[in-house]
Protein backbone atom coordinates (compact mmCIF):
# COMPACT_ATOMS: atom_id res chain seq x y z
CA MET A 1 37.84 53.55 48.28
CA LYS A 2 34.48 52.79 46.68
CA LYS A 3 31.95 50.79 48.74
CA TYR A 4 28.69 48.98 48.04
CA SER A 5 26.10 48.39 50.78
CA ILE A 6 23.67 45.51 50.30
CA THR A 7 20.06 45.72 51.39
CA PRO A 8 18.97 42.33 52.77
CA LEU A 9 15.77 40.62 51.68
CA THR A 10 13.01 40.81 54.28
CA ASN A 11 10.70 38.52 52.29
CA SER A 12 11.40 35.59 50.02
CA ILE A 13 11.34 36.19 46.26
CA ASN A 14 10.39 34.20 43.16
CA LYS A 15 12.54 35.44 40.28
CA LYS A 16 14.20 34.44 37.02
CA ILE A 17 17.71 35.45 36.03
CA GLU A 18 20.05 34.92 33.08
CA ILE A 19 23.78 34.81 33.77
CA PRO A 20 26.75 35.59 31.49
CA GLY A 21 28.94 33.12 29.62
CA SER A 22 31.66 31.14 31.38
CA LYS A 23 35.05 32.79 31.79
CA SER A 24 36.81 29.41 31.89
CA ILE A 25 35.15 28.22 28.69
CA THR A 26 35.52 31.57 26.89
CA ASN A 27 39.29 31.64 27.36
CA ARG A 28 39.61 27.99 26.35
CA ALA A 29 37.51 28.47 23.21
CA LEU A 30 39.36 31.65 22.18
CA LEU A 31 42.73 29.91 22.48
CA LEU A 32 41.76 26.77 20.55
CA ALA A 33 40.08 28.83 17.81
CA ALA A 34 43.34 30.78 17.51
CA LEU A 35 45.26 27.51 17.10
CA ALA A 36 42.96 26.18 14.35
CA ASP A 37 43.35 26.81 10.61
CA GLY A 38 40.76 29.35 9.48
CA ASN A 39 37.70 31.08 10.90
CA SER A 40 35.87 30.10 14.06
CA GLU A 41 32.94 31.98 15.56
CA ILE A 42 32.75 32.12 19.36
CA SER A 43 29.34 33.29 20.58
CA ASN A 44 28.00 34.10 24.07
CA ALA A 45 31.60 34.85 25.05
CA LEU A 46 32.13 36.58 28.38
CA LEU A 47 33.61 40.05 28.08
CA SER A 48 35.44 40.70 31.35
CA ASP A 49 38.92 41.73 32.47
CA ASP A 50 40.23 38.15 32.27
CA THR A 51 38.89 37.48 28.78
CA LYS A 52 40.03 40.91 27.55
CA TYR A 53 43.58 39.96 28.53
CA MET A 54 43.27 36.73 26.56
CA LEU A 55 41.94 38.58 23.51
CA GLU A 56 44.68 41.22 23.71
CA GLY A 57 47.32 38.53 24.18
CA LEU A 58 46.16 36.61 21.11
CA LYS A 59 46.14 39.79 19.02
CA LYS A 60 49.76 40.48 20.05
CA CYS A 61 50.51 36.94 18.87
CA GLY A 62 49.33 37.88 15.37
CA ILE A 63 45.84 36.36 15.57
CA LYS A 64 43.12 38.25 13.72
CA ILE A 65 40.05 38.83 15.89
CA ARG A 66 36.90 40.65 14.84
CA LYS A 67 33.95 41.48 17.10
CA LYS A 68 30.65 40.55 15.45
CA GLY A 69 28.05 42.10 17.71
CA LYS A 70 27.38 41.52 21.38
CA ASN A 71 29.48 38.71 22.90
CA LYS A 72 30.45 37.25 19.53
CA TYR A 73 33.93 37.03 17.98
CA LEU A 74 35.33 35.83 14.67
CA ILE A 75 38.76 34.29 15.28
CA THR A 76 41.05 33.60 12.34
CA GLY A 77 43.42 30.84 13.41
CA ASN A 78 46.96 30.60 12.07
CA LYS A 79 47.55 26.80 11.86
CA GLY A 80 49.04 26.58 15.34
CA LYS A 81 51.60 29.32 14.77
CA PHE A 82 51.95 32.53 16.77
CA ASN A 83 53.87 35.38 15.21
CA ILE A 84 54.79 37.76 18.00
CA LEU A 85 54.32 41.34 16.87
CA LYS A 86 56.35 44.42 17.82
CA SER A 87 56.15 44.04 21.59
CA LYS A 88 58.12 41.12 22.98
CA THR A 89 56.27 41.36 26.31
CA LEU A 90 52.78 40.07 26.96
CA PHE A 91 51.16 41.80 29.95
CA LEU A 92 48.18 39.75 31.16
CA GLY A 93 47.11 41.50 34.37
CA ASN A 94 45.99 39.00 37.02
CA ALA A 95 44.38 36.63 34.50
CA GLY A 96 45.54 33.20 35.65
CA THR A 97 44.09 31.22 32.74
CA ALA A 98 45.51 33.58 30.11
CA THR A 99 48.95 33.59 31.75
CA ARG A 100 49.23 29.82 32.15
CA PHE A 101 47.62 28.89 28.83
CA LEU A 102 49.61 31.39 26.75
CA THR A 103 52.90 30.57 28.51
CA ALA A 104 52.51 26.92 27.51
CA THR A 105 51.30 27.66 23.98
CA LEU A 106 54.09 30.15 23.28
CA SER A 107 56.62 27.58 24.50
CA PHE A 108 55.60 25.43 21.52
CA CYS A 109 54.94 27.97 18.78
CA ALA A 110 56.50 31.39 19.46
CA ASN A 111 58.68 32.76 16.67
CA LYS A 112 61.03 34.68 18.97
CA LYS A 113 62.09 35.17 22.59
CA ILE A 114 59.19 36.50 24.63
CA ARG A 115 58.39 37.70 28.14
CA VAL A 116 55.05 36.90 29.81
CA THR A 117 54.14 38.98 32.85
CA GLY A 118 51.23 40.43 34.83
CA ASP A 119 50.29 42.74 37.67
CA LYS A 120 51.73 42.69 41.20
CA ARG A 121 49.56 39.79 42.39
CA MET A 122 50.26 37.70 39.28
CA GLN A 123 53.98 38.18 39.96
CA GLU A 124 53.36 36.51 43.34
CA ARG A 125 51.49 33.49 41.95
CA PRO A 126 53.77 30.43 41.44
CA ILE A 127 54.04 28.87 38.00
CA GLN A 128 57.21 26.78 38.51
CA ASP A 129 55.53 23.39 38.03
CA LEU A 130 54.40 24.45 34.55
CA ILE A 131 57.88 25.83 33.78
CA ASP A 132 59.45 22.53 34.85
CA GLY A 133 57.03 20.56 32.68
CA LEU A 134 57.79 22.69 29.62
CA ASN A 135 61.55 22.37 30.15
CA GLN A 136 61.24 18.58 30.43
CA LEU A 137 59.61 18.70 26.98
CA GLY A 138 62.62 20.48 25.48
CA ALA A 139 61.74 24.15 25.94
CA LYS A 140 63.89 26.79 27.61
CA VAL A 141 61.60 28.67 29.99
CA TYR A 142 62.46 30.35 33.28
CA SER A 143 61.30 32.83 35.90
CA GLU A 144 63.01 36.17 35.22
CA LYS A 145 63.50 36.84 38.96
CA ASN A 146 64.24 33.19 39.74
CA ASN A 147 61.36 33.18 42.26
CA GLN A 148 59.06 30.61 40.55
CA CYS A 149 56.66 33.39 39.50
CA PRO A 150 56.14 35.67 36.49
CA PRO A 151 57.66 37.44 34.63
CA ILE A 152 58.39 34.33 32.56
CA ILE A 153 61.00 34.26 29.79
CA ILE A 154 60.52 31.84 26.87
CA GLU A 155 63.69 31.37 24.81
CA LYS A 156 63.38 28.00 23.08
CA GLN A 157 60.48 25.88 21.83
CA ALA A 158 59.43 22.54 23.30
CA VAL A 159 59.55 19.51 20.97
CA GLY A 160 57.80 16.72 22.89
CA GLY A 161 58.59 13.70 25.01
CA LYS A 162 57.56 13.07 28.60
CA CYS A 163 57.10 15.36 31.58
CA VAL A 164 56.21 14.63 35.20
CA ILE A 165 54.73 17.39 37.35
CA PRO A 166 52.96 17.46 40.75
CA GLY A 167 49.17 17.53 40.63
CA ASP A 168 48.52 19.19 43.99
CA LYS A 169 48.74 22.88 43.11
CA SER A 170 46.73 23.81 40.01
CA SER A 171 44.86 21.96 37.29
CA GLN A 172 45.55 24.99 35.05
CA TYR A 173 49.15 23.81 34.58
CA PHE A 174 47.83 20.57 33.11
CA SER A 175 45.15 22.25 31.00
CA ALA A 176 47.83 24.59 29.63
CA LEU A 177 50.01 21.62 28.62
CA LEU A 178 47.07 19.71 27.15
CA PHE A 179 46.08 22.67 24.94
CA ALA A 180 49.64 23.16 23.68
CA ALA A 181 50.70 19.51 23.35
CA PRO A 182 49.16 18.86 19.87
CA LEU A 183 51.54 21.52 18.50
CA ALA A 184 54.59 19.40 19.38
CA LYS A 185 56.80 17.68 16.79
CA LYS A 186 56.84 14.47 18.85
CA ASP A 187 54.28 12.58 20.93
CA ILE A 188 53.82 13.83 24.49
CA ILE A 189 53.15 12.00 27.75
CA ILE A 190 52.12 14.14 30.71
CA GLU A 191 52.42 12.26 33.99
CA VAL A 192 50.79 13.41 37.23
CA LYS A 193 52.80 13.09 40.41
CA GLY A 194 50.40 12.45 43.30
CA ASP A 195 46.71 13.35 43.08
CA LEU A 196 45.41 15.88 40.57
CA VAL A 197 43.35 18.74 42.04
CA SER A 198 40.20 20.14 40.42
CA LYS A 199 39.72 17.22 38.00
CA SER A 200 36.47 18.77 36.80
CA TYR A 201 38.45 21.54 35.10
CA ILE A 202 40.54 18.91 33.31
CA ASP A 203 37.28 17.31 32.13
CA LEU A 204 36.22 20.72 30.85
CA SER A 205 39.52 21.15 28.99
CA LEU A 206 39.42 17.66 27.47
CA ASP A 207 35.82 18.18 26.35
CA ILE A 208 36.56 21.41 24.49
CA ILE A 209 39.79 19.97 23.01
CA LYS A 210 37.71 17.09 21.61
CA THR A 211 35.14 19.56 20.25
CA PHE A 212 37.94 21.33 18.32
CA GLY A 213 39.05 18.03 16.78
CA VAL A 214 41.96 16.72 18.86
CA LYS A 215 42.09 13.36 20.68
CA ILE A 216 43.83 12.89 24.03
CA GLN A 217 44.09 9.69 26.05
CA ASN A 218 43.26 10.20 29.73
CA LYS A 219 44.57 7.33 31.86
CA ASN A 220 42.60 7.88 35.07
CA TYR A 221 44.05 11.39 35.59
CA LYS A 222 47.48 9.82 36.19
CA GLN A 223 48.77 10.10 32.64
CA PHE A 224 47.74 11.93 29.47
CA ILE A 225 48.97 10.82 26.03
CA ILE A 226 48.89 13.21 23.07
CA LYS A 227 49.86 12.00 19.59
CA ALA A 228 51.84 14.42 17.42
CA GLY A 229 50.51 15.62 14.07
CA GLN A 230 46.98 16.45 15.21
CA LYS A 231 45.42 19.75 14.14
CA TYR A 232 42.77 21.84 15.78
CA LYS A 233 39.73 22.33 13.54
CA THR A 234 37.63 25.46 13.15
CA LYS A 235 34.35 25.52 15.01
CA ASN A 236 31.32 27.71 15.55
CA TYR A 237 31.14 27.44 19.31
CA LYS A 238 28.60 28.78 21.81
CA VAL A 239 29.93 29.38 25.32
CA GLU A 240 27.78 28.03 28.14
CA ALA A 241 26.48 30.15 31.00
CA ASP A 242 28.98 30.36 33.85
CA ALA A 243 28.35 27.79 36.60
CA SER A 244 30.60 29.70 39.01
CA SER A 245 28.51 32.86 38.55
CA ALA A 246 25.37 30.77 39.03
CA THR A 247 26.48 29.71 42.52
CA TYR A 248 25.86 33.21 43.91
CA PHE A 249 22.23 33.34 42.84
CA ALA A 250 21.60 29.71 43.77
CA ALA A 251 23.04 30.50 47.21
CA ILE A 252 20.79 33.56 47.59
CA ALA A 253 17.78 31.30 47.04
CA ALA A 254 19.08 28.93 49.72
CA ALA A 255 19.99 31.70 52.18
CA THR A 256 16.71 33.64 51.91
CA LYS A 257 14.21 30.77 51.43
CA SER A 258 13.50 32.07 47.93
CA LYS A 259 12.91 30.53 44.51
CA ILE A 260 15.32 31.56 41.76
CA HIS A 261 15.25 30.11 38.24
CA ILE A 262 18.57 30.48 36.37
CA THR A 263 17.11 30.17 32.90
CA ASN A 264 20.26 29.65 30.81
CA LEU A 265 22.30 27.33 33.05
CA ASN A 266 22.96 24.01 31.28
CA PRO A 267 21.84 21.23 33.69
CA SER A 268 24.24 18.74 32.07
CA SER A 269 27.26 21.05 31.94
CA LYS A 270 30.72 19.61 32.68
CA GLN A 271 31.72 22.73 34.63
CA GLY A 272 33.04 21.84 38.07
CA ASP A 273 30.83 24.26 39.95
CA MET A 274 27.72 22.39 38.82
CA GLU A 275 28.56 20.23 41.85
CA PHE A 276 27.40 23.21 43.94
CA LEU A 277 23.82 22.14 43.21
CA GLU A 278 24.51 18.75 44.82
CA ILE A 279 25.90 20.53 47.89
CA LEU A 280 22.69 22.55 48.11
CA LYS A 281 20.67 19.32 48.06
CA LYS A 282 22.72 18.04 51.03
CA MET A 283 21.82 21.27 52.84
CA GLY A 284 18.10 20.70 52.24
CA VAL A 285 17.54 22.90 49.19
CA SER A 286 15.22 21.80 46.37
CA ILE A 287 16.73 21.66 42.86
CA LYS A 288 14.76 21.25 39.62
CA LYS A 289 16.60 20.79 36.32
CA TYR A 290 14.82 21.59 33.07
CA LYS A 291 16.15 20.43 29.71
CA ASN A 292 17.10 23.55 27.70
CA LYS A 293 15.37 25.75 30.29
CA GLY A 294 17.90 25.99 33.08
CA VAL A 295 17.78 25.17 36.78
CA GLU A 296 15.37 26.26 39.52
CA ILE A 297 16.60 26.54 43.12
CA SER A 298 14.11 26.68 46.02
CA GLY A 299 15.25 27.45 49.55
CA LYS A 300 13.07 25.65 52.05
CA SER A 301 13.43 25.53 55.82
CA LYS A 302 16.64 25.94 57.82
CA LEU A 303 19.83 24.83 56.09
CA LYS A 304 21.60 21.66 57.25
CA PRO A 305 25.31 21.64 58.15
CA LEU A 306 27.62 19.62 55.91
CA GLY A 307 29.84 17.87 58.43
CA LYS A 308 33.21 17.05 56.85
CA ILE A 309 33.22 17.39 53.06
CA ASN A 310 35.91 17.50 50.36
CA LEU A 311 35.33 20.28 47.82
CA ASN A 312 38.50 19.78 45.77
CA ASN A 313 36.57 19.60 42.48
CA MET A 314 34.88 22.99 42.93
CA PRO A 315 37.37 25.50 44.41
CA ASP A 316 35.46 28.59 43.22
CA GLY A 317 32.07 27.34 44.35
CA ALA A 318 33.56 26.28 47.69
CA MET A 319 33.81 29.94 48.67
CA THR A 320 30.05 30.32 48.28
CA VAL A 321 29.57 27.09 50.26
CA ALA A 322 31.54 28.67 53.11
CA ILE A 323 29.11 31.61 53.21
CA LEU A 324 26.11 29.26 53.42
CA CYS A 325 27.80 27.29 56.20
CA ALA A 326 28.04 30.51 58.21
CA LEU A 327 24.25 30.83 57.81
CA THR A 328 23.70 27.23 58.95
CA LYS A 329 23.39 26.12 62.58
CA GLY A 330 26.05 23.46 63.18
CA LYS A 331 29.56 22.42 62.18
CA SER A 332 30.85 22.15 58.62
CA GLN A 333 34.44 21.27 57.74
CA LEU A 334 35.47 22.09 54.16
CA THR A 335 38.60 20.24 52.95
CA GLY A 336 40.65 19.73 49.77
CA LEU A 337 41.03 23.46 49.13
CA GLN A 338 44.77 24.04 49.52
CA ASN A 339 44.93 25.48 45.99
CA LEU A 340 42.73 28.42 47.09
CA ARG A 341 45.87 29.88 48.65
CA LEU A 342 47.35 30.41 45.17
CA LYS A 343 44.47 32.38 43.63
CA GLU A 344 43.85 36.14 43.35
CA THR A 345 44.53 36.22 47.09
CA ASP A 346 45.02 33.58 49.78
CA ARG A 347 41.31 32.83 49.76
CA LEU A 348 41.29 30.55 52.81
CA ARG A 349 42.88 33.24 54.96
CA ALA A 350 40.68 35.97 53.48
CA LEU A 351 37.45 33.99 53.95
CA SER A 352 38.34 33.09 57.54
CA TYR A 353 39.26 36.66 58.50
CA GLU A 354 36.27 38.34 56.88
CA LEU A 355 33.76 35.77 58.20
CA GLN A 356 35.13 36.31 61.71
CA LYS A 357 34.41 40.03 61.30
CA THR A 358 30.72 39.17 60.87
CA GLY A 359 30.61 37.17 64.13
CA CYS A 360 31.14 33.75 62.54
CA ASP A 361 33.17 31.08 64.35
CA CYS A 362 35.50 30.17 61.50
CA GLN A 363 38.92 28.54 61.71
CA GLU A 364 41.43 28.24 58.91
CA THR A 365 43.12 24.87 58.36
CA LYS A 366 45.94 23.85 56.01
CA ASP A 367 43.53 22.80 53.26
CA GLY A 368 40.21 24.34 54.21
CA LEU A 369 37.92 25.87 56.82
CA ILE A 370 36.08 24.72 59.94
CA ILE A 371 32.87 26.72 60.34
CA ASN A 372 30.70 26.44 63.44
CA GLY A 373 27.66 28.13 62.00
CA ASN A 374 25.26 30.14 64.12
CA PRO A 375 23.20 32.59 62.04
CA GLU A 376 21.78 34.28 65.15
CA LYS A 377 25.24 35.60 66.06
CA LEU A 378 25.99 37.08 62.64
CA HIS A 379 26.06 40.84 62.16
CA GLY A 380 27.03 43.44 59.60
CA ALA A 381 30.61 44.39 58.72
CA GLU A 382 32.69 46.08 56.06
CA ILE A 383 34.14 43.30 53.92
CA LYS A 384 37.61 43.70 52.44
CA THR A 385 37.82 42.03 49.04
CA TYR A 386 41.61 41.93 48.53
CA ASP A 387 40.92 42.89 44.90
CA ASP A 388 39.39 39.42 44.51
CA HIS A 389 36.16 39.24 42.52
CA ARG A 390 34.96 36.06 44.22
CA MET A 391 35.37 37.55 47.70
CA ALA A 392 33.07 40.40 46.66
CA MET A 393 30.41 38.16 45.11
CA CYS A 394 30.25 35.46 47.79
CA PHE A 395 29.95 38.03 50.59
CA ALA A 396 27.19 39.71 48.58
CA VAL A 397 25.24 36.50 49.23
CA LEU A 398 25.69 37.02 52.98
CA GLY A 399 24.44 40.59 52.59
CA THR A 400 21.11 39.39 51.21
CA ALA A 401 20.49 37.38 54.42
CA ILE A 402 21.82 39.67 57.18
CA ALA A 403 21.80 43.45 57.52
CA GLY A 404 24.82 45.72 57.37
CA ILE A 405 27.15 44.02 54.87
CA THR A 406 29.20 46.54 52.90
CA ILE A 407 31.63 45.47 50.16
CA ILE A 408 34.85 47.47 49.83
CA ASN A 409 36.12 47.84 46.24
CA PRO A 410 33.05 46.32 44.55
CA ASP A 411 34.46 47.03 41.07
CA CYS A 412 36.82 44.04 41.37
CA VAL A 413 33.94 41.90 40.00
CA LYS A 414 34.90 43.19 36.53
CA LYS A 415 37.47 40.40 36.42
CA THR A 416 34.78 37.83 35.58
CA TYR A 417 31.29 39.37 35.97
CA PRO A 418 31.16 43.10 35.14
CA ASP A 419 27.35 43.31 35.49
CA PHE A 420 27.12 41.46 38.80
CA TRP A 421 25.88 44.38 40.90
CA LYS A 422 23.38 45.39 38.22
CA ASP A 423 22.01 41.83 38.05
CA LEU A 424 21.91 41.54 41.84
CA LYS A 425 19.98 44.79 42.17
CA LYS A 426 17.50 43.65 39.53
CA LEU A 427 17.03 40.33 41.32
CA LEU A 428 16.49 41.88 44.76
CA LYS A 429 14.07 44.53 43.55
CA ILE A 430 10.62 43.84 44.97
CA HIS A 431 7.70 44.81 42.72
């Protein structure tokens, strides 16, 4: 198994870095461009395993896609219709957004019976709430193995109406329905049972839906109303820099008392992980936002513990927060993260176990972690990544602050940030 050992910083640095486009936004933009009528140009798109699966999936659905240079694609939409080509199976690896978004879209516009599946881990990730929502809207969709997980069989198209699904597992189910709903023959009402997790990702979805010309009524995240007959419009769309990727470099600044300027991060972005910057402020880190010139993060003195804090709106960034809490003297309790158990791995269990290996007092709870930070007790360890890109990248942050951190299977970062190790090496290089 391949390994990557990180050399910690012995002195603070003052560096600039540019990060790649957002995976979440790239996959959303590609899908909506495919549902429009005519040509849309998507620039600064992220090219990673997850977005490759979306691109391949759209091509199998009869959408014409042409690469126009680095990170730029010309998408020819087909008026909200997908014509499934020879293969009746879409294999989408472990790409959660592609699997959920395309399952919903195909349930409204597929021209034949189709099977949506993925790798071993994807076949363990529940999708039943989305299936139930689609069936309430008139579709015939079911889990092939009757275990609430992919492979998913789509036999009949949805027509519209009302669906009620729980909001406590994944906002991606709701985003998937919101993207597909304008294709319906009748108006749609999507009702949330209980509280909706990761509302920031819903905001992101609604924002890009509006950009592509469709209006959706959001009634305080309890109900969404989508009028039938709306059409997605073509758009030349530039994908923002990825706020989730930015958390790793912002955290390195905080952990090593360094100054790092992320030059292409949009300070007013709607991405949920922008909240990470507010968490850094609570920990005593200085943040400067520059209009059109990114964000500068300056680590100062010792980091402050967070006490009890709900991170439900930023599940990806919460993993990086956990690493910083381990480097902070005092108790931090991270809550609202039950949906991390349904990701590429059970991230709460993985974080707890791997942090304990480094000497950190970390306890797993039902919906989060309790971390009694004591940086003096931390030591090196080989970190298992569980084939989870975010495990690799957040523990890389720890490796810049303490000696002896080695990442097992570092190539898993290709899922969302193929050049992560190259960018990290460039950042840590002392001239």
